[in-house]
């Protein structure tokens, strides 16, 4: 049985969004915000940077998600000093998880050598676990996923 996040992910995937877009859309929904420009930009990470040869869009999208909460976004804003550690923690976890399960972190490896269309079970499960892990990392560091930074995109 799917939980609320799983149902939200299915709805977004059914609407034609890719993994990296789904991650940011979930976060924006949690913050009660919309930002179509950001969602469009996240499409550049889909399918391992477009040709399946790059890092999985789930990893790169989740790194962007951490940046959404902790990076500098305005001239008068400072980045959270913990951002490099947050990124390292996520990347280490993802690498360990994906290498154990799929043999690597490229889109092609995770998709079993197939390119062009994500593998629903492999990718869907990885998106869900990565989103949950990203939220844990934020919470463990005192960053509230429902708040974000400032009022950008509100």
N, C-alpha and C. Protein backbone atom coordinates (compact mmCIF):
# COMPACT_ATOMS: atom_id res chain seq x y z
N UNK A 1 0.84 -1.18 0.00
CA UNK A 1 0.00 0.00 0.00
C UNK A 1 0.89 1.25 0.00
N UNK A 2 0.53 2.22 -0.81
CA UNK A 2 1.30 3.45 -0.92
C UNK A 2 0.93 4.44 0.17
N UNK A 3 1.95 5.15 0.66
CA UNK A 3 1.69 6.22 1.61
C UNK A 3 1.37 7.50 0.84
N UNK A 4 1.16 8.59 1.55
CA UNK A 4 0.81 9.86 0.92
C UNK A 4 1.88 10.32 -0.07
N UNK A 5 3.14 10.19 0.30
CA UNK A 5 4.22 10.62 -0.59
C UNK A 5 4.24 9.76 -1.85
N UNK A 6 4.04 8.47 -1.70
CA UNK A 6 4.00 7.57 -2.86
C UNK A 6 2.87 7.92 -3.81
N UNK A 7 1.73 8.26 -3.27
CA UNK A 7 0.59 8.66 -4.10
C UNK A 7 0.88 9.98 -4.81
N UNK A 8 1.50 10.91 -4.09
CA UNK A 8 1.86 12.19 -4.71
C UNK A 8 2.86 11.97 -5.84
N UNK A 9 3.84 11.10 -5.60
CA UNK A 9 4.83 10.79 -6.63
C UNK A 9 4.18 10.18 -7.87
N UNK A 10 3.26 9.26 -7.66
CA UNK A 10 2.57 8.63 -8.79
C UNK A 10 1.77 9.67 -9.59
N UNK A 11 1.13 10.57 -8.89
CA UNK A 11 0.35 11.62 -9.54
C UNK A 11 1.27 12.48 -10.40
N UNK A 12 2.42 12.87 -9.86
CA UNK A 12 3.36 13.71 -10.59
C UNK A 12 3.99 12.97 -11.77
N UNK A 13 4.35 11.72 -11.58
CA UNK A 13 4.90 10.92 -12.67
C UNK A 13 3.86 10.76 -13.77
N UNK A 14 2.62 10.52 -13.38
CA UNK A 14 1.54 10.39 -14.34
C UNK A 14 1.27 11.67 -15.12
N UNK A 15 1.64 12.80 -14.53
CA UNK A 15 1.48 14.09 -15.20
C UNK A 15 2.67 14.41 -16.11
N UNK A 16 3.65 13.49 -16.17
CA UNK A 16 4.76 13.64 -17.10
C UNK A 16 6.03 14.26 -16.54
N UNK A 17 6.12 14.39 -15.21
CA UNK A 17 7.34 14.94 -14.62
C UNK A 17 8.36 13.84 -14.40
N UNK A 18 9.64 14.19 -14.52
CA UNK A 18 10.72 13.23 -14.30
C UNK A 18 11.14 13.25 -12.83
N UNK A 19 12.08 12.37 -12.49
CA UNK A 19 12.52 12.18 -11.11
C UNK A 19 12.98 13.46 -10.43
N UNK A 20 13.87 14.21 -11.07
CA UNK A 20 14.39 15.43 -10.45
C UNK A 20 13.29 16.47 -10.27
N UNK A 21 12.37 16.53 -11.21
CA UNK A 21 11.24 17.46 -11.09
C UNK A 21 10.31 17.02 -9.97
N UNK A 22 10.09 15.73 -9.85
CA UNK A 22 9.21 15.21 -8.80
C UNK A 22 9.76 15.57 -7.42
N UNK A 23 11.06 15.43 -7.24
CA UNK A 23 11.67 15.77 -5.95
C UNK A 23 11.39 17.22 -5.57
N UNK A 24 11.63 18.13 -6.50
CA UNK A 24 11.43 19.54 -6.18
C UNK A 24 9.95 19.88 -6.06
N UNK A 25 9.10 19.23 -6.84
CA UNK A 25 7.66 19.46 -6.72
C UNK A 25 7.14 19.01 -5.36
N UNK A 26 7.63 17.87 -4.87
CA UNK A 26 7.23 17.42 -3.53
C UNK A 26 7.63 18.45 -2.48
N UNK A 27 8.86 18.96 -2.59
CA UNK A 27 9.33 19.95 -1.62
C UNK A 27 8.52 21.24 -1.71
N UNK A 28 8.25 21.70 -2.93
CA UNK A 28 7.45 22.91 -3.09
C UNK A 28 6.05 22.73 -2.52
N UNK A 29 5.45 21.56 -2.77
CA UNK A 29 4.13 21.28 -2.18
C UNK A 29 4.20 21.31 -0.67
N UNK A 30 5.26 20.73 -0.09
CA UNK A 30 5.40 20.71 1.37
C UNK A 30 5.55 22.11 1.94
N UNK A 31 6.09 23.04 1.13
CA UNK A 31 6.25 24.42 1.57
C UNK A 31 5.04 25.29 1.15
N UNK A 32 4.06 24.66 0.50
CA UNK A 32 2.89 25.36 -0.01
C UNK A 32 3.30 26.49 -0.96
N UNK A 33 4.22 26.14 -1.87
CA UNK A 33 4.72 27.09 -2.86
C UNK A 33 4.61 26.52 -4.26
N UNK A 34 4.71 27.41 -5.22
CA UNK A 34 4.80 27.02 -6.63
C UNK A 34 5.98 27.77 -7.23
N UNK A 35 6.68 27.13 -8.15
CA UNK A 35 7.79 27.77 -8.84
C UNK A 35 8.01 27.04 -10.17
N UNK A 36 7.16 27.31 -11.17
CA UNK A 36 7.29 26.62 -12.46
C UNK A 36 8.66 26.79 -13.11
N UNK A 37 9.30 27.95 -12.91
CA UNK A 37 10.64 28.15 -13.50
C UNK A 37 11.63 27.14 -12.92
N UNK A 38 11.60 26.95 -11.62
CA UNK A 38 12.49 25.97 -10.98
C UNK A 38 12.16 24.56 -11.46
N UNK A 39 10.89 24.23 -11.57
CA UNK A 39 10.48 22.89 -12.02
C UNK A 39 10.98 22.65 -13.44
N UNK A 40 10.84 23.65 -14.31
CA UNK A 40 11.35 23.50 -15.67
C UNK A 40 12.86 23.30 -15.67
N UNK A 41 13.57 24.09 -14.86
CA UNK A 41 15.03 23.98 -14.81
C UNK A 41 15.47 22.59 -14.36
N UNK A 42 14.73 21.99 -13.46
CA UNK A 42 15.08 20.66 -12.96
C UNK A 42 15.03 19.59 -14.06
N UNK A 43 14.32 19.87 -15.15
CA UNK A 43 14.24 18.91 -16.25
C UNK A 43 15.60 18.68 -16.90
N UNK A 44 16.52 19.61 -16.72
CA UNK A 44 17.87 19.44 -17.26
C UNK A 44 18.63 18.30 -16.61
N UNK A 45 18.15 17.83 -15.47
CA UNK A 45 18.80 16.72 -14.77
C UNK A 45 18.16 15.36 -15.10
N UNK A 46 17.05 15.39 -15.80
CA UNK A 46 16.33 14.15 -16.11
C UNK A 46 17.17 13.20 -16.96
N UNK A 47 16.96 11.93 -16.78
CA UNK A 47 17.63 10.90 -17.59
C UNK A 47 19.15 11.02 -17.57
N UNK A 48 19.71 11.22 -16.39
CA UNK A 48 21.17 11.27 -16.28
C UNK A 48 21.78 12.36 -17.13
N UNK A 49 21.25 13.55 -17.04
CA UNK A 49 21.67 14.73 -17.80
C UNK A 49 21.32 14.60 -19.27
N UNK A 50 20.25 13.86 -19.55
CA UNK A 50 19.70 13.81 -20.89
C UNK A 50 20.01 12.58 -21.71
N UNK A 51 21.16 11.97 -21.50
CA UNK A 51 21.50 10.82 -22.35
C UNK A 51 21.83 9.56 -21.55
N UNK A 52 21.46 9.55 -20.30
CA UNK A 52 21.65 8.41 -19.39
C UNK A 52 23.10 8.16 -19.00
N UNK A 53 24.03 8.93 -19.51
CA UNK A 53 25.43 8.69 -19.17
C UNK A 53 25.84 9.35 -17.86
N UNK A 54 25.08 10.36 -17.44
CA UNK A 54 25.43 11.10 -16.24
C UNK A 54 24.85 10.49 -14.99
N UNK A 55 25.17 11.13 -13.88
CA UNK A 55 24.63 10.69 -12.59
C UNK A 55 23.11 10.71 -12.65
N UNK A 56 22.53 9.81 -11.93
CA UNK A 56 21.08 9.69 -11.84
C UNK A 56 20.45 11.02 -11.43
N UNK A 57 19.35 11.38 -12.09
CA UNK A 57 18.63 12.60 -11.77
C UNK A 57 18.05 12.61 -10.37
N UNK A 58 17.88 11.44 -9.78
CA UNK A 58 17.41 11.39 -8.40
C UNK A 58 18.49 11.97 -7.49
N UNK A 59 19.74 11.59 -7.71
CA UNK A 59 20.84 12.13 -6.90
C UNK A 59 21.02 13.62 -7.15
N UNK A 60 21.14 14.01 -8.40
CA UNK A 60 21.39 15.42 -8.69
C UNK A 60 20.19 16.27 -8.27
N UNK A 61 18.99 15.74 -8.45
CA UNK A 61 17.80 16.47 -8.01
C UNK A 61 17.74 16.63 -6.51
N UNK A 62 18.12 15.59 -5.78
CA UNK A 62 18.12 15.66 -4.31
C UNK A 62 19.20 16.63 -3.82
N UNK A 63 20.33 16.70 -4.52
CA UNK A 63 21.36 17.69 -4.16
C UNK A 63 20.80 19.10 -4.37
N UNK A 64 20.09 19.31 -5.44
CA UNK A 64 19.44 20.61 -5.67
C UNK A 64 18.42 20.90 -4.58
N UNK A 65 17.73 19.88 -4.15
CA UNK A 65 16.74 20.04 -3.09
C UNK A 65 17.41 20.51 -1.80
N UNK A 66 18.55 19.95 -1.46
CA UNK A 66 19.29 20.43 -0.28
C UNK A 66 19.70 21.89 -0.47
N UNK A 67 20.09 22.23 -1.68
CA UNK A 67 20.44 23.61 -1.98
C UNK A 67 19.25 24.55 -1.83
N UNK A 68 18.07 24.07 -2.15
CA UNK A 68 16.86 24.86 -2.01
C UNK A 68 16.68 25.32 -0.56
N UNK A 69 17.08 24.48 0.37
CA UNK A 69 16.91 24.78 1.79
C UNK A 69 18.13 25.45 2.42
N UNK A 70 19.32 25.28 1.83
CA UNK A 70 20.52 25.71 2.55
C UNK A 70 21.48 26.59 1.76
N UNK A 71 21.25 26.80 0.48
CA UNK A 71 22.19 27.58 -0.32
C UNK A 71 21.83 29.07 -0.34
N UNK A 72 22.75 29.86 -0.81
CA UNK A 72 22.53 31.29 -1.00
C UNK A 72 21.58 31.46 -2.18
N UNK A 73 20.57 32.30 -2.01
CA UNK A 73 19.62 32.51 -3.09
C UNK A 73 19.35 33.97 -3.39
N UNK A 74 19.94 34.86 -2.64
CA UNK A 74 19.75 36.29 -2.84
C UNK A 74 21.03 37.01 -2.41
N UNK A 75 21.27 38.21 -2.95
CA UNK A 75 22.49 38.93 -2.61
C UNK A 75 22.68 39.16 -1.11
N UNK A 76 21.59 39.35 -0.40
CA UNK A 76 21.68 39.64 1.04
C UNK A 76 21.56 38.40 1.91
N UNK A 77 21.67 37.24 1.30
CA UNK A 77 21.51 35.98 2.03
C UNK A 77 22.85 35.24 2.06
N UNK A 78 23.10 34.56 3.15
CA UNK A 78 24.30 33.74 3.28
C UNK A 78 23.91 32.26 3.20
N UNK A 79 24.76 31.44 2.59
CA UNK A 79 24.46 30.00 2.59
C UNK A 79 24.61 29.43 3.99
N UNK A 80 23.91 28.36 4.25
CA UNK A 80 24.08 27.64 5.51
C UNK A 80 25.44 26.95 5.45
N UNK A 81 26.25 27.15 6.47
CA UNK A 81 27.59 26.58 6.49
C UNK A 81 27.60 25.06 6.42
N UNK A 82 26.48 24.44 6.75
CA UNK A 82 26.40 22.98 6.76
C UNK A 82 26.12 22.37 5.39
N UNK A 83 25.86 23.20 4.38
CA UNK A 83 25.49 22.66 3.07
C UNK A 83 26.49 21.64 2.53
N UNK A 84 27.79 21.88 2.55
CA UNK A 84 28.72 20.85 2.06
C UNK A 84 28.59 19.52 2.80
N UNK A 85 28.36 19.57 4.10
CA UNK A 85 28.18 18.33 4.87
C UNK A 85 26.87 17.64 4.52
N UNK A 86 25.82 18.42 4.31
CA UNK A 86 24.53 17.85 3.92
C UNK A 86 24.67 17.13 2.58
N UNK A 87 25.32 17.79 1.64
CA UNK A 87 25.53 17.20 0.32
C UNK A 87 26.38 15.93 0.40
N UNK A 88 27.41 15.97 1.21
CA UNK A 88 28.28 14.81 1.37
C UNK A 88 27.52 13.63 1.98
N UNK A 89 26.72 13.92 3.00
CA UNK A 89 25.94 12.86 3.63
C UNK A 89 24.97 12.22 2.65
N UNK A 90 24.28 13.05 1.87
CA UNK A 90 23.33 12.52 0.89
C UNK A 90 24.05 11.73 -0.19
N UNK A 91 25.13 12.29 -0.72
CA UNK A 91 25.85 11.63 -1.80
C UNK A 91 26.44 10.29 -1.35
N UNK A 92 27.01 10.26 -0.16
CA UNK A 92 27.54 9.00 0.37
C UNK A 92 26.44 7.96 0.51
N UNK A 93 25.30 8.37 1.07
CA UNK A 93 24.18 7.45 1.24
C UNK A 93 23.69 6.95 -0.11
N UNK A 94 23.53 7.85 -1.07
CA UNK A 94 23.01 7.47 -2.39
C UNK A 94 23.97 6.52 -3.08
N UNK A 95 25.25 6.86 -3.05
CA UNK A 95 26.25 6.01 -3.71
C UNK A 95 26.22 4.60 -3.12
N UNK A 96 26.20 4.51 -1.80
CA UNK A 96 26.16 3.21 -1.14
C UNK A 96 24.89 2.44 -1.51
N UNK A 97 23.77 3.11 -1.50
CA UNK A 97 22.48 2.49 -1.81
C UNK A 97 22.41 2.04 -3.26
N UNK A 98 22.72 2.95 -4.19
CA UNK A 98 22.59 2.64 -5.61
C UNK A 98 23.63 1.62 -6.09
N UNK A 99 24.84 1.72 -5.58
CA UNK A 99 25.86 0.74 -6.00
C UNK A 99 25.51 -0.65 -5.50
N UNK A 100 24.99 -0.75 -4.29
CA UNK A 100 24.61 -2.06 -3.75
C UNK A 100 23.43 -2.66 -4.52
N UNK A 101 22.50 -1.82 -4.89
CA UNK A 101 21.27 -2.31 -5.52
C UNK A 101 21.35 -2.40 -7.04
N UNK A 102 22.05 -1.42 -7.67
CA UNK A 102 22.03 -1.33 -9.13
C UNK A 102 23.41 -1.41 -9.78
N UNK A 103 24.47 -1.40 -8.97
CA UNK A 103 25.81 -1.49 -9.51
C UNK A 103 26.44 -0.15 -9.89
N UNK A 104 25.77 0.94 -9.61
CA UNK A 104 26.34 2.25 -9.92
C UNK A 104 25.33 3.36 -9.73
N UNK A 105 25.77 4.59 -10.03
CA UNK A 105 24.89 5.74 -9.81
C UNK A 105 24.51 6.47 -11.10
N UNK A 106 24.88 5.92 -12.25
CA UNK A 106 24.44 6.56 -13.49
C UNK A 106 23.01 6.13 -13.78
N UNK A 107 22.35 6.94 -14.55
CA UNK A 107 20.97 6.63 -14.95
C UNK A 107 20.92 5.28 -15.67
N UNK A 108 21.88 5.04 -16.55
CA UNK A 108 21.90 3.78 -17.31
C UNK A 108 22.06 2.57 -16.38
N UNK A 109 22.92 2.68 -15.39
CA UNK A 109 23.12 1.56 -14.46
C UNK A 109 21.84 1.30 -13.66
N UNK A 110 21.23 2.35 -13.18
CA UNK A 110 20.02 2.20 -12.38
C UNK A 110 18.87 1.67 -13.22
N UNK A 111 18.82 2.06 -14.50
CA UNK A 111 17.77 1.60 -15.40
C UNK A 111 18.10 0.26 -16.06
N UNK A 112 19.14 -0.40 -15.62
CA UNK A 112 19.48 -1.70 -16.17
C UNK A 112 19.95 -1.64 -17.61
N UNK A 113 20.60 -0.54 -17.98
CA UNK A 113 21.12 -0.39 -19.34
C UNK A 113 20.15 0.24 -20.31
N UNK A 114 18.93 0.41 -19.91
CA UNK A 114 17.92 1.03 -20.77
C UNK A 114 18.01 2.55 -20.66
N UNK A 115 17.81 3.23 -21.76
CA UNK A 115 17.82 4.68 -21.74
C UNK A 115 16.56 5.20 -22.42
N UNK A 116 16.12 6.34 -21.98
CA UNK A 116 14.98 6.97 -22.62
C UNK A 116 13.73 6.98 -21.78
N UNK A 117 13.50 5.90 -21.07
CA UNK A 117 12.31 5.83 -20.24
C UNK A 117 12.68 5.21 -18.90
N UNK A 118 12.43 5.91 -17.81
CA UNK A 118 12.78 5.38 -16.49
C UNK A 118 12.06 4.06 -16.19
N UNK A 119 12.74 3.21 -15.47
CA UNK A 119 12.17 1.94 -15.01
C UNK A 119 11.28 2.25 -13.81
N UNK A 120 9.96 2.06 -13.91
CA UNK A 120 9.03 2.49 -12.85
C UNK A 120 9.36 1.97 -11.45
N UNK A 121 9.62 0.69 -11.32
CA UNK A 121 9.88 0.15 -9.99
C UNK A 121 11.22 0.62 -9.44
N UNK A 122 12.25 0.54 -10.27
CA UNK A 122 13.58 0.94 -9.82
C UNK A 122 13.60 2.43 -9.48
N UNK A 123 13.17 3.24 -10.42
CA UNK A 123 13.25 4.69 -10.24
C UNK A 123 12.27 5.19 -9.19
N UNK A 124 11.05 4.68 -9.23
CA UNK A 124 10.04 5.13 -8.27
C UNK A 124 10.45 4.84 -6.83
N UNK A 125 10.96 3.65 -6.59
CA UNK A 125 11.41 3.30 -5.25
C UNK A 125 12.60 4.13 -4.81
N UNK A 126 13.50 4.39 -5.75
CA UNK A 126 14.69 5.19 -5.43
C UNK A 126 14.32 6.64 -5.15
N UNK A 127 13.37 7.19 -5.91
CA UNK A 127 12.90 8.55 -5.66
C UNK A 127 12.31 8.64 -4.26
N UNK A 128 11.46 7.69 -3.91
CA UNK A 128 10.81 7.70 -2.60
C UNK A 128 11.83 7.61 -1.46
N UNK A 129 12.76 6.67 -1.58
CA UNK A 129 13.77 6.52 -0.52
C UNK A 129 14.69 7.72 -0.43
N UNK A 130 15.04 8.29 -1.58
CA UNK A 130 15.94 9.44 -1.58
C UNK A 130 15.23 10.67 -1.02
N UNK A 131 13.97 10.86 -1.35
CA UNK A 131 13.23 11.99 -0.80
C UNK A 131 13.13 11.85 0.72
N UNK A 132 12.82 10.66 1.18
CA UNK A 132 12.74 10.43 2.63
C UNK A 132 14.08 10.68 3.30
N UNK A 133 15.16 10.20 2.69
CA UNK A 133 16.50 10.40 3.27
C UNK A 133 16.87 11.88 3.28
N UNK A 134 16.52 12.60 2.22
CA UNK A 134 16.80 14.03 2.15
C UNK A 134 16.06 14.78 3.26
N UNK A 135 14.80 14.43 3.48
CA UNK A 135 14.02 15.05 4.56
C UNK A 135 14.64 14.74 5.92
N UNK A 136 15.13 13.51 6.09
CA UNK A 136 15.81 13.14 7.35
C UNK A 136 17.06 13.98 7.57
N UNK A 137 17.85 14.15 6.53
CA UNK A 137 19.07 14.94 6.64
C UNK A 137 18.73 16.38 7.02
N UNK A 138 17.72 16.94 6.39
CA UNK A 138 17.30 18.30 6.74
C UNK A 138 16.87 18.38 8.20
N UNK A 139 16.00 17.46 8.60
CA UNK A 139 15.48 17.47 9.98
C UNK A 139 16.60 17.25 11.00
N UNK A 140 17.51 16.34 10.69
CA UNK A 140 18.63 16.07 11.60
C UNK A 140 19.52 17.30 11.81
N UNK A 141 19.44 18.23 10.87
CA UNK A 141 20.25 19.44 10.94
C UNK A 141 19.43 20.68 11.28
N UNK A 142 18.23 20.46 11.79
CA UNK A 142 17.40 21.56 12.25
C UNK A 142 16.78 22.41 11.16
N UNK A 143 16.72 21.89 9.94
CA UNK A 143 16.09 22.60 8.83
C UNK A 143 14.70 22.02 8.61
N UNK A 144 13.70 22.86 8.67
CA UNK A 144 12.30 22.43 8.56
C UNK A 144 11.89 22.35 7.09
N UNK A 145 11.64 21.12 6.57
CA UNK A 145 11.26 20.98 5.16
C UNK A 145 9.96 21.70 4.79
N UNK A 146 9.14 22.04 5.76
CA UNK A 146 7.90 22.73 5.44
C UNK A 146 8.09 24.25 5.33
N UNK A 147 9.27 24.73 5.70
CA UNK A 147 9.51 26.18 5.71
C UNK A 147 10.35 26.69 4.55
N UNK A 148 11.39 25.99 4.19
CA UNK A 148 12.29 26.50 3.16
C UNK A 148 13.02 27.72 3.66
N UNK A 149 13.58 28.47 2.74
CA UNK A 149 14.30 29.70 3.09
C UNK A 149 13.54 30.88 2.54
N UNK A 150 13.28 31.87 3.34
CA UNK A 150 12.63 33.09 2.89
C UNK A 150 11.27 32.83 2.28
N UNK A 151 10.86 33.74 1.44
CA UNK A 151 9.55 33.64 0.80
C UNK A 151 9.66 33.50 -0.71
N UNK A 152 10.81 33.04 -1.19
CA UNK A 152 11.02 32.91 -2.63
C UNK A 152 9.98 32.01 -3.25
N UNK A 153 9.41 32.46 -4.33
CA UNK A 153 8.45 31.65 -5.08
C UNK A 153 7.09 31.59 -4.45
N UNK A 154 6.87 32.25 -3.33
CA UNK A 154 5.58 32.17 -2.65
C UNK A 154 4.53 32.94 -3.40
